[in-house]
C-alpha atoms as a PDB file:
ATOM      1  CA  MET A   1      -6.076 -12.104   1.141  1.00  0.00           C
ATOM      2  CA  SER A   2      -8.893 -11.458   3.937  1.00  0.00           C
ATOM      3  CA  SER A   3      -9.801  -7.679   5.049  1.00  0.00           C
ATOM      4  CA  ALA A   4      -8.252  -8.485   8.519  1.00  0.00           C
ATOM      5  CA  GLN A   5      -5.212  -9.529   6.934  1.00  0.00           C
ATOM      6  CA  LEU A   6      -4.943  -6.349   5.126  1.00  0.00           C
ATOM      7  CA  ALA A   7      -5.682  -3.953   8.374  1.00  0.00           C
ATOM      8  CA  GLN A   8      -2.983  -5.763  10.285  1.00  0.00           C
ATOM      9  CA  PRO A   9      -0.028  -3.178  11.207  1.00  0.00           C
ATOM     10  CA  SER A  10       3.213  -4.702   9.595  1.00  0.00           C
ATOM     11  CA  ARG A  11       5.402  -3.919  12.815  1.00  0.00           C
ATOM     12  CA  LYS A  12       5.262  -2.161  16.044  1.00  0.00           C
ATOM     13  CA  GLN A  13       4.607   1.506  16.249  1.00  0.00           C
ATOM     14  CA  ARG A  14       7.347   3.329  18.078  1.00  0.00           C
ATOM     15  CA  VAL A  15       5.651   5.611  21.044  1.00  0.00           C
ATOM     16  CA  ARG A  16       7.006   7.513  24.155  1.00  0.00           C
ATOM     17  CA  THR A  17       4.116   6.572  26.807  1.00  0.00           C
ATOM     18  CA  LEU A  18       1.018   4.442  26.810  1.00  0.00           C
ATOM     19  CA  TRP A  19      -1.395   4.859  29.449  1.00  0.00           C
ATOM     20  CA  ILE A  20      -4.159   2.240  30.203  1.00  0.00           C
ATOM     21  CA  SER A  21      -6.387   1.941  33.385  1.00  0.00           C
ATOM     22  CA  ASP A  22      -9.472   0.063  34.527  1.00  0.00           C
ATOM     23  CA  VAL A  23      -8.963  -3.479  32.910  1.00  0.00           C
ATOM     24  CA  HIS A  24     -10.650  -5.330  35.455  1.00  0.00           C
ATOM     25  CA  LEU A  25      -8.891  -8.473  35.056  1.00  0.00           C
ATOM     26  CA  GLY A  26     -10.950 -11.395  37.027  1.00  0.00           C
ATOM     27  CA  THR A  27     -14.303 -10.564  35.622  1.00  0.00           C
ATOM     28  CA  ARG A  28     -15.878 -11.698  32.641  1.00  0.00           C
ATOM     29  CA  ASP A  29     -16.388  -7.986  31.119  1.00  0.00           C
ATOM     30  CA  CYS A  30     -12.915  -7.421  31.053  1.00  0.00           C
ATOM     31  CA  GLN A  31     -11.814  -7.108  27.380  1.00  0.00           C
ATOM     32  CA  ALA A  32      -8.790  -9.137  27.444  1.00  0.00           C
ATOM     33  CA  GLU A  33      -8.356 -10.244  23.876  1.00  0.00           C
ATOM     34  CA  HIS A  34      -8.987  -6.827  22.294  1.00  0.00           C
ATOM     35  CA  LEU A  35      -6.010  -5.118  25.147  1.00  0.00           C
ATOM     36  CA  ALA A  36      -3.350  -7.735  24.583  1.00  0.00           C
ATOM     37  CA  ARG A  37      -3.739  -7.253  20.756  1.00  0.00           C
ATOM     38  CA  PHE A  38      -3.656  -3.277  21.188  1.00  0.00           C
ATOM     39  CA  LEU A  39      -0.242  -3.728  23.504  1.00  0.00           C
ATOM     40  CA  LYS A  40       1.337  -5.882  20.929  1.00  0.00           C
ATOM     41  CA  ARG A  41       0.809  -3.295  18.319  1.00  0.00           C
ATOM     42  CA  TYR A  42       3.730  -1.032  20.102  1.00  0.00           C
ATOM     43  CA  GLN A  43       7.093  -0.373  21.420  1.00  0.00           C
ATOM     44  CA  ALA A  44       6.603   2.031  24.181  1.00  0.00           C
ATOM     45  CA  ASP A  45       9.441   3.806  26.178  1.00  0.00           C
ATOM     46  CA  LYS A  46       7.041   3.859  29.526  1.00  0.00           C
ATOM     47  CA  VAL A  47       3.482   2.082  30.209  1.00  0.00           C
ATOM     48  CA  TYR A  48       1.524   3.290  33.101  1.00  0.00           C
ATOM     49  CA  LEU A  49      -1.580   1.247  34.445  1.00  0.00           C
ATOM     50  CA  VAL A  50      -3.511   3.759  35.915  1.00  0.00           C
ATOM     51  CA  GLY A  51      -5.576   1.686  38.534  1.00  0.00           C
ATOM     52  CA  ASP A  52      -8.334  -1.035  38.798  1.00  0.00           C
ATOM     53  CA  ILE A  53      -6.209  -3.278  36.155  1.00  0.00           C
ATOM     54  CA  ILE A  54      -6.896  -6.373  38.752  1.00  0.00           C
ATOM     55  CA  ASP A  55     -10.413  -6.348  40.000  1.00  0.00           C
ATOM     56  CA  GLY A  56     -10.147  -7.306  43.726  1.00  0.00           C
ATOM     57  CA  TRP A  57     -13.626  -6.603  44.260  1.00  0.00           C
ATOM     58  CA  ARG A  58     -14.869  -9.295  41.843  1.00  0.00           C
ATOM     59  CA  LEU A  59     -12.240 -11.535  42.883  1.00  0.00           C
ATOM     60  CA  ARG A  60     -13.033 -11.882  46.700  1.00  0.00           C
ATOM     61  CA  SER A  61     -16.828 -13.459  45.365  1.00  0.00           C
ATOM     62  CA  GLY A  62     -15.185 -15.710  43.260  1.00  0.00           C
ATOM     63  CA  ILE A  63     -12.300 -16.790  41.019  1.00  0.00           C
ATOM     64  CA  TYR A  64     -12.786 -16.152  37.529  1.00  0.00           C
ATOM     65  CA  TRP A  65      -9.251 -15.765  35.163  1.00  0.00           C
ATOM     66  CA  PRO A  66      -9.464 -17.264  32.046  1.00  0.00           C
ATOM     67  CA  GLN A  67      -5.874 -17.595  30.086  1.00  0.00           C
ATOM     68  CA  ALA A  68      -6.945 -14.574  28.170  1.00  0.00           C
ATOM     69  CA  HIS A  69      -6.443 -12.514  31.304  1.00  0.00           C
ATOM     70  CA  THR A  70      -2.866 -14.275  32.110  1.00  0.00           C
ATOM     71  CA  ASN A  71      -1.925 -13.179  28.533  1.00  0.00           C
ATOM     72  CA  VAL A  72      -2.562  -9.670  29.335  1.00  0.00           C
ATOM     73  CA  LEU A  73      -0.022  -9.687  32.262  1.00  0.00           C
ATOM     74  CA  ARG A  74       2.494 -12.035  29.952  1.00  0.00           C
ATOM     75  CA  ARG A  75       2.116  -8.988  27.232  1.00  0.00           C
ATOM     76  CA  LEU A  76       3.041  -6.750  29.790  1.00  0.00           C
ATOM     77  CA  LEU A  77       6.033  -8.757  31.388  1.00  0.00           C
ATOM     78  CA  THR A  78       7.325  -9.259  27.736  1.00  0.00           C
ATOM     79  CA  MET A  79       7.412  -5.498  28.045  1.00  0.00           C
ATOM     80  CA  SER A  80       9.338  -4.779  30.711  1.00  0.00           C
ATOM     81  CA  LYS A  81      11.666  -7.363  29.572  1.00  0.00           C
ATOM     82  CA  ARG A  82      12.780  -5.702  26.609  1.00  0.00           C
ATOM     83  CA  GLY A  83      13.020  -2.410  28.225  1.00  0.00           C
ATOM     84  CA  THR A  84       9.798  -0.595  28.672  1.00  0.00           C
ATOM     85  CA  GLU A  85       9.409   1.042  32.034  1.00  0.00           C
ATOM     86  CA  VAL A  86       6.137  -0.063  33.834  1.00  0.00           C
ATOM     87  CA  ILE A  87       4.392   1.972  36.061  1.00  0.00           C
ATOM     88  CA  TYR A  88       1.557   0.624  38.099  1.00  0.00           C
ATOM     89  CA  VAL A  89      -0.701   3.495  39.526  1.00  0.00           C
ATOM     90  CA  THR A  90      -3.064   1.663  42.252  1.00  0.00           C
ATOM     91  CA  GLY A  91      -6.714   2.341  41.893  1.00  0.00           C
ATOM     92  CA  ASN A  92      -9.797   1.301  44.419  1.00  0.00           C
ATOM     93  CA  HIS A  93     -10.918  -2.078  42.745  1.00  0.00           C
ATOM     94  CA  ASP A  94      -6.841  -3.365  43.361  1.00  0.00           C
ATOM     95  CA  GLU A  95      -6.337  -1.448  46.423  1.00  0.00           C
ATOM     96  CA  PHE A  96      -4.963  -4.516  48.449  1.00  0.00           C
ATOM     97  CA  LEU A  97      -1.627  -3.262  46.236  1.00  0.00           C
ATOM     98  CA  ARG A  98      -1.500  -0.351  48.202  1.00  0.00           C
ATOM     99  CA  GLY A  99       0.220  -1.539  51.272  1.00  0.00           C
ATOM    100  CA  TYR A 100       3.069  -2.404  48.890  1.00  0.00           C
ATOM    101  CA  SER A 101       3.231   1.351  47.066  1.00  0.00           C
ATOM    102  CA  LYS A 102       6.753   2.276  46.316  1.00  0.00           C
ATOM    103  CA  LEU A 103       7.984  -1.305  45.244  1.00  0.00           C
ATOM    104  CA  ILE A 104      10.531  -1.904  42.574  1.00  0.00           C
ATOM    105  CA  LEU A 105      11.047  -5.146  40.690  1.00  0.00           C
ATOM    106  CA  GLY A 106      13.069  -4.528  38.002  1.00  0.00           C
ATOM    107  CA  ASN A 107      11.380  -2.407  35.340  1.00  0.00           C
ATOM    108  CA  ILE A 108       7.917  -2.490  37.300  1.00  0.00           C
ATOM    109  CA  GLN A 109       7.035   0.287  39.678  1.00  0.00           C
ATOM    110  CA  LEU A 110       4.244  -0.179  42.237  1.00  0.00           C
ATOM    111  CA  VAL A 111       2.955   3.278  43.181  1.00  0.00           C
ATOM    112  CA  ASP A 112      -0.167   5.518  44.468  1.00  0.00           C
ATOM    113  CA  GLU A 113       0.552   8.322  42.245  1.00  0.00           C
ATOM    114  CA  ALA A 114       3.140   9.238  39.108  1.00  0.00           C
ATOM    115  CA  GLU A 115       4.423  12.320  37.781  1.00  0.00           C
ATOM    116  CA  HIS A 116       5.099  12.084  34.240  1.00  0.00           C
ATOM    117  CA  LEU A 117       6.866  14.928  32.465  1.00  0.00           C
ATOM    118  CA  THR A 118       6.002  14.628  28.021  1.00  0.00           C
ATOM    119  CA  ALA A 119       8.742  15.204  25.488  1.00  0.00           C
ATOM    120  CA  ASP A 120       7.134  18.941  25.072  1.00  0.00           C
ATOM    121  CA  GLY A 121       7.671  19.581  29.277  1.00  0.00           C
ATOM    122  CA  ARG A 122       4.547  19.270  30.207  1.00  0.00           C
ATOM    123  CA  ARG A 123       4.085  18.218  33.860  1.00  0.00           C
ATOM    124  CA  LEU A 124       1.397  15.666  34.158  1.00  0.00           C
ATOM    125  CA  LEU A 125      -0.207  14.137  37.843  1.00  0.00           C
ATOM    126  CA  VAL A 126      -0.814  10.540  36.889  1.00  0.00           C
ATOM    127  CA  ILE A 127      -3.396   9.046  39.750  1.00  0.00           C
ATOM    128  CA  HIS A 128      -6.541   6.670  39.443  1.00  0.00           C
ATOM    129  CA  GLY A 129      -8.937   9.349  40.590  1.00  0.00           C
ATOM    130  CA  ASP A 130     -11.003   7.280  43.437  1.00  0.00           C
ATOM    131  CA  GLN A 131      -9.914   9.839  45.808  1.00  0.00           C
ATOM    132  CA  PHE A 132     -11.765  12.405  43.999  1.00  0.00           C
ATOM    133  CA  ASP A 133     -15.151  10.342  43.945  1.00  0.00           C
ATOM    134  CA  VAL A 134     -17.227  11.193  47.200  1.00  0.00           C
ATOM    135  CA  ILE A 135     -19.252   8.241  46.987  1.00  0.00           C
ATOM    136  CA  THR A 136     -16.057   5.325  47.229  1.00  0.00           C
ATOM    137  CA  ARG A 137     -14.462   7.753  49.920  1.00  0.00           C
ATOM    138  CA  TYR A 138     -17.123   7.921  52.086  1.00  0.00           C
ATOM    139  CA  HIS A 139     -19.991   5.979  51.061  1.00  0.00           C
ATOM    140  CA  ARG A 140     -18.705   2.550  50.385  1.00  0.00           C
ATOM    141  CA  TRP A 141     -21.171   0.483  51.005  1.00  0.00           C
ATOM    142  CA  LEU A 142     -23.134   2.553  47.976  1.00  0.00           C
ATOM    143  CA  ALA A 143     -20.272   1.625  46.011  1.00  0.00           C
ATOM    144  CA  PHE A 144     -20.516  -1.859  46.392  1.00  0.00           C
ATOM    145  CA  LEU A 145     -24.140  -1.677  45.085  1.00  0.00           C
ATOM    146  CA  GLY A 146     -23.586   0.532  42.365  1.00  0.00           C
ATOM    147  CA  ASP A 147     -20.745  -1.863  41.316  1.00  0.00           C
ATOM    148  CA  SER A 148     -23.335  -4.525  41.186  1.00  0.00           C
ATOM    149  CA  ALA A 149     -25.663  -2.501  39.197  1.00  0.00           C
ATOM    150  CA  TYR A 150     -22.751  -1.331  36.839  1.00  0.00           C
ATOM    151  CA  GLU A 151     -22.171  -5.309  36.599  1.00  0.00           C
ATOM    152  CA  PHE A 152     -25.889  -5.746  35.554  1.00  0.00           C
ATOM    153  CA  THR A 153     -25.381  -3.534  32.479  1.00  0.00           C
ATOM    154  CA  LEU A 154     -22.163  -4.943  31.345  1.00  0.00           C
ATOM    155  CA  THR A 155     -23.976  -8.320  31.378  1.00  0.00           C
ATOM    156  CA  LEU A 156     -26.462  -6.717  29.048  1.00  0.00           C
ATOM    157  CA  ASN A 157     -23.975  -4.711  26.987  1.00  0.00           C
ATOM    158  CA  ARG A 158     -21.723  -8.574  26.297  1.00  0.00           C
ATOM    159  CA  TRP A 159     -25.201 -10.107  25.143  1.00  0.00           C
ATOM    160  CA  LEU A 160     -25.984  -7.347  22.717  1.00  0.00           C
ATOM    161  CA  ASN A 161     -22.687  -7.237  21.522  1.00  0.00           C
ATOM    162  CA  HIS A 162     -22.676 -11.025  20.669  1.00  0.00           C
ATOM    163  CA  TRP A 163     -25.866 -10.544  18.373  1.00  0.00           C
ATOM    164  CA  ARG A 164     -24.267  -7.662  16.888  1.00  0.00           C
ATOM    165  CA  ARG A 165     -21.043  -9.736  15.809  1.00  0.00           C
ATOM    166  CA  ARG A 166     -23.461 -12.312  14.827  1.00  0.00           C
ATOM    167  CA  TYR A 167     -25.161  -9.764  12.201  1.00  0.00           C
ATOM    168  CA  GLY A 168     -22.005  -8.265  11.231  1.00  0.00           C
ATOM    169  CA  TYR A 169     -21.689  -5.114  13.547  1.00  0.00           C
ATOM    170  CA  GLY A 170     -19.162  -3.456  15.429  1.00  0.00           C
ATOM    171  CA  TYR A 171     -18.518  -2.716  19.361  1.00  0.00           C
ATOM    172  CA  TRP A 172     -20.990  -0.634  20.843  1.00  0.00           C
ATOM    173  CA  SER A 173     -21.398   0.148  24.275  1.00  0.00           C
ATOM    174  CA  LEU A 174     -24.494   0.390  25.701  1.00  0.00           C
ATOM    175  CA  SER A 175     -23.230   1.294  29.780  1.00  0.00           C
ATOM    176  CA  ALA A 176     -21.328   4.074  27.817  1.00  0.00           C
ATOM    177  CA  TYR A 177     -24.535   5.124  26.015  1.00  0.00           C
ATOM    178  CA  LEU A 178     -26.489   5.388  29.466  1.00  0.00           C
ATOM    179  CA  LYS A 179     -23.943   7.314  30.835  1.00  0.00           C
ATOM    180  CA  HIS A 180     -23.950  10.045  28.593  1.00  0.00           C
ATOM    181  CA  LYS A 181     -27.619  10.111  28.746  1.00  0.00           C
ATOM    182  CA  VAL A 182     -28.677  10.052  32.191  1.00  0.00           C
ATOM    183  CA  LYS A 183     -28.450  13.065  33.868  1.00  0.00           C
ATOM    184  CA  GLY A 184     -27.134  12.124  37.658  1.00  0.00           C
ATOM    185  CA  ALA A 185     -24.394  10.200  35.466  1.00  0.00           C
ATOM    186  CA  VAL A 186     -23.234  13.075  33.491  1.00  0.00           C
ATOM    187  CA  ASN A 187     -23.095  15.398  36.524  1.00  0.00           C
ATOM    188  CA  PHE A 188     -21.371  12.913  38.693  1.00  0.00           C
ATOM    189  CA  ILE A 189     -18.706  12.981  35.579  1.00  0.00           C
ATOM    190  CA  SER A 190     -18.487  16.889  35.592  1.00  0.00           C
ATOM    191  CA  ASP A 191     -18.080  16.908  39.253  1.00  0.00           C
ATOM    192  CA  PHE A 192     -15.303  14.605  39.258  1.00  0.00           C
ATOM    193  CA  GLU A 193     -13.025  16.387  36.752  1.00  0.00           C
ATOM    194  CA  GLN A 194     -13.849  19.724  38.514  1.00  0.00           C
ATOM    195  CA  ALA A 195     -12.155  18.080  41.592  1.00  0.00           C
ATOM    196  CA  ILE A 196      -9.462  16.486  39.879  1.00  0.00           C
ATOM    197  CA  ALA A 197      -8.600  19.570  37.794  1.00  0.00           C
ATOM    198  CA  HIS A 198      -8.610  21.730  41.090  1.00  0.00           C
ATOM    199  CA  GLU A 199      -6.108  19.326  42.743  1.00  0.00           C
ATOM    200  CA  CYS A 200      -3.437  19.930  39.875  1.00  0.00           C
ATOM    201  CA  ARG A 201      -4.057  23.461  39.864  1.00  0.00           C
ATOM    202  CA  LYS A 202      -3.286  23.596  43.090  1.00  0.00           C
ATOM    203  CA  ARG A 203       0.010  21.525  42.841  1.00  0.00           C
ATOM    204  CA  GLY A 204       1.261  23.211  40.044  1.00  0.00           C
ATOM    205  CA  PHE A 205       1.055  20.609  37.277  1.00  0.00           C
ATOM    206  CA  ASN A 206      -0.108  21.337  33.724  1.00  0.00           C
ATOM    207  CA  GLY A 207      -2.517  18.548  33.246  1.00  0.00           C
ATOM    208  CA  VAL A 208      -3.766  15.099  34.555  1.00  0.00           C
ATOM    209  CA  VAL A 209      -4.043  11.401  33.522  1.00  0.00           C
ATOM    210  CA  CYS A 210      -6.898   9.473  35.592  1.00  0.00           C
ATOM    211  CA  GLY A 211      -9.198   6.982  35.368  1.00  0.00           C
ATOM    212  CA  HIS A 212     -11.912   5.697  37.813  1.00  0.00           C
ATOM    213  CA  ILE A 213     -15.340   6.878  35.907  1.00  0.00           C
ATOM    214  CA  HIS A 214     -14.737   4.578  32.728  1.00  0.00           C
ATOM    215  CA  HIS A 215     -15.426   8.009  30.566  1.00  0.00           C
ATOM    216  CA  ALA A 216     -12.038   8.710  28.069  1.00  0.00           C
ATOM    217  CA  GLU A 217     -11.678  12.201  27.054  1.00  0.00           C
ATOM    218  CA  ILE A 218      -9.132  14.816  26.593  1.00  0.00           C
ATOM    219  CA  ARG A 219     -10.238  18.462  26.906  1.00  0.00           C
ATOM    220  CA  THR A 220      -8.778  21.667  28.793  1.00  0.00           C
ATOM    221  CA  MET A 221     -10.344  22.965  31.701  1.00  0.00           C
ATOM    222  CA  GLY A 222      -9.250  26.618  32.036  1.00  0.00           C
ATOM    223  CA  ASP A 223      -5.408  26.195  32.148  1.00  0.00           C
ATOM    224  CA  VAL A 224      -5.322  22.587  33.456  1.00  0.00           C
ATOM    225  CA  GLU A 225      -5.639  19.580  30.442  1.00  0.00           C
ATOM    226  CA  TYR A 226      -7.663  16.673  31.514  1.00  0.00           C
ATOM    227  CA  MET A 227      -7.078  13.193  30.095  1.00  0.00           C
ATOM    228  CA  ASN A 228      -9.059  10.289  31.267  1.00  0.00           C
ATOM    229  CA  CYS A 229      -7.706   6.713  29.550  1.00  0.00           C
ATOM    230  CA  GLY A 230     -11.166   5.402  29.932  1.00  0.00           C
ATOM    231  CA  ASP A 231     -11.173   1.790  30.342  1.00  0.00           C
ATOM    232  CA  TRP A 232     -10.785  -1.867  28.837  1.00  0.00           C
ATOM    233  CA  VAL A 233     -14.115  -2.967  29.640  1.00  0.00           C
ATOM    234  CA  GLU A 234     -16.516  -0.937  27.456  1.00  0.00           C
ATOM    235  CA  SER A 235     -15.066   2.055  25.806  1.00  0.00           C
ATOM    236  CA  CYS A 236     -11.974  -0.076  25.154  1.00  0.00           C
ATOM    237  CA  SER A 237      -9.634   3.077  25.195  1.00  0.00           C
ATOM    238  CA  ALA A 238      -6.171   4.173  25.986  1.00  0.00           C
ATOM    239  CA  LEU A 239      -3.762   7.449  25.774  1.00  0.00           C
ATOM    240  CA  ILE A 240      -0.856   7.388  23.590  1.00  0.00           C
ATOM    241  CA  GLU A 241       2.107   9.644  23.825  1.00  0.00           C
ATOM    242  CA  HIS A 242       3.995  10.097  20.333  1.00  0.00           C
ATOM    243  CA  LEU A 243       7.473  11.051  20.359  1.00  0.00           C
ATOM    244  CA  ASP A 244       6.987  14.816  19.834  1.00  0.00           C
ATOM    245  CA  GLY A 245       5.087  14.835  22.783  1.00  0.00           C
ATOM    246  CA  SER A 246       1.530  15.156  21.590  1.00  0.00           C
ATOM    247  CA  ILE A 247      -1.107  12.895  23.429  1.00  0.00           C
ATOM    248  CA  GLU A 248      -3.929  11.126  21.291  1.00  0.00           C
ATOM    249  CA  LEU A 249      -6.811   9.289  22.796  1.00  0.00           C
ATOM    250  CA  TYR A 250      -7.257   5.541  21.162  1.00  0.00           C
ATOM    251  CA  ARG A 251     -10.869   4.074  20.634  1.00  0.00           C
ATOM    252  CA  LEU A 252     -11.361   0.725  19.933  1.00  0.00           C
ATOM    253  CA  ALA A 253     -14.246   1.082  18.170  1.00  0.00           C
ATOM    254  CA  GLU A 254     -12.979   3.873  15.716  1.00  0.00           C
ATOM    255  CA  ASP A 255      -9.880   2.073  15.435  1.00  0.00           C
ATOM    256  CA  HIS A 256     -12.027  -0.729  13.980  1.00  0.00           C
ATOM    257  CA  VAL A 257     -13.980   1.560  11.224  1.00  0.00           C
ATOM    258  CA  ARG A 258     -10.559   2.581  10.199  1.00  0.00           C
ATOM    259  CA  GLN A 259      -9.147  -0.681   9.721  1.00  0.00           C
ATOM    260  CA  ALA A 260     -12.434  -1.345   7.912  1.00  0.00           C
ATOM    261  CA  GLU A 261     -11.852   1.656   5.314  1.00  0.00           C
ATOM    262  CA  GLN A 262      -8.278   0.769   4.682  1.00  0.00           C
ATOM    263  CA  ALA A 263      -9.058  -2.949   4.056  1.00  0.00           C
ATOM    264  CA  GLU A 264     -11.865  -1.436   1.925  1.00  0.00           C
ATOM    265  CA  GLN A 265      -9.804   0.595   0.067  1.00  0.00           C
ATOM    266  CA  ALA A 266      -6.846  -2.146  -0.514  1.00  0.00           C
ATOM    267  CA  CYS A 267      -9.647  -4.761  -2.015  1.00  0.00           C
ATOM    268  CA  GLN A 268     -10.986  -1.805  -4.438  1.00  0.00           C
ATOM    269  CA  ALA A 269      -7.142  -1.126  -5.494  1.00  0.00           C
ATOM    270  CA  GLU A 270      -6.327  -4.540  -5.856  1.00  0.00           C
ATOM    271  CA  PRO A 271      -8.629  -5.246  -9.102  1.00  0.00           C
ATOM    272  CA  ARG A 272      -7.553  -2.353 -10.348  1.00  0.00           C
ATOM    273  CA  GLU A 273      -3.895  -3.558 -10.190  1.00  0.00           C
ATOM    274  CA  HIS A 274      -4.645  -6.913 -12.154  1.00  0.00           C
ATOM    275  CA  ALA A 275      -6.399  -5.426 -14.532  1.00  0.00           C
ATOM    276  CA  GLY A 276      -3.833  -3.482 -15.346  1.00  0.00           C
ATOM    277  CA  GLN A 277      -1.148  -6.401 -15.450  1.00  0.00           C
ATOM    278  CA  SER A 278      -3.632  -8.224 -17.494  1.00  0.00           C
ATOM    279  CA  VAL A 279      -3.464  -5.578 -19.812  1.00  0.00           C
ATOM    280  CA  ARG A 280       0.452  -5.367 -20.097  1.00  0.00           C
ATOM    281  CA  GLN A 281       0.723  -8.734 -20.447  1.00  0.00           C
ATOM    282  CA  ALA A 282      -2.066  -8.678 -23.123  1.00  0.00           C
ATOM    283  CA  GLN A 283      -0.027  -6.359 -24.928  1.00  0.00           C
ATOM    284  CA  ALA A 284       3.418  -8.119 -24.531  1.00  0.00           C
ATOM    285  CA  THR A 285       2.168 -11.086 -26.039  1.00  0.00           C
ATOM    286  CA  GLN A 286       0.439  -9.701 -28.772  1.00  0.00           C
ATOM    287  CA  PRO A 287       2.355 -10.436 -32.052  1.00  0.00           C
ATOM    288  CA  ALA A 288       3.856  -7.723 -33.580  1.00  0.00           C
ATOM    289  CA  GLN A 289       1.488  -6.214 -36.903  1.00  0.00           C
ATOM    290  CA  PRO A 290       3.835  -6.758 -40.266  1.00  0.00           C
ATOM    291  CA  VAL A 291       4.792  -3.282 -41.581  1.00  0.00           C
ATOM    292  CA  ALA A 292       3.646  -2.810 -45.167  1.00  0.00           C
ATOM    293  CA  ALA A 293       6.585  -2.453 -47.820  1.00  0.00           C
ATOM    294  CA  ALA A 294       6.721   1.189 -49.214  1.00  0.00           C
ATOM    295  CA  GLU A 295       5.301   1.280 -52.751  1.00  0.00           C
ATOM    296  CA  PRO A 296       7.703   2.278 -55.214  1.00  0.00           C
ATOM    297  CA  ALA A 297       7.376   5.738 -56.709  1.00  0.00           C
ATOM    298  CA  LEU A 298       6.003   6.185 -60.571  1.00  0.00           C
END
């Protein structure tokens, strides 16, 4: 049995809610295969698609749509068919859908924002977040320019991880690393988080779930809990609400490390188990030693 097979979960995990954002279906950097496998692992009451699921900006310049991208949509439709409520919150890259907000198709809803009540009673605003991005709102040409530069970084990221896989290394995001190191990017993220937390506080929410900036995080900002889903082009992350209302930040890279450790432990335990069985079998097949007759007393 391979280490990959050992690490596979035996059945779907029951959770209350999944949040995913910034999938960017229709682009070459979308990690659709990883996302489809992630979705297949869970049985959820609700799935929130928190914007930029389909990249309308990129599809305008040319159609790129492999089977893996269709498989993600099929997986979501299958979940909906089996009773999962799917709420699609529109973003700036799929803004063409905002003209159809409040559309309901069976278990699938299309909205511009949503309110979620956790199992432990917290009210969360669910919104993509581009409304709080000054560049996207007021300098659209600069947003397109920045998108092109970001795409170039993702191309480098794709080739880098191709060679990392060839040499047995796990996934690593170059663009996420640069985002943490460049001071301007760090300031932009901080300003975005402050703006969206202020909106939550003003509207009486306990917290917010958003996307947009491709920076997965859970942290407390005063009396507001800020939660960002991340994305499925670089960090491959999501938010998971468990049955008790606790919310976990899932990262693919961390999951790969955990699975590798579990597989290694299973492989190490297997030889010990075989050795124990061999000893028991040898003892069972070994002929019994004859008992010496007692000498008569003199």
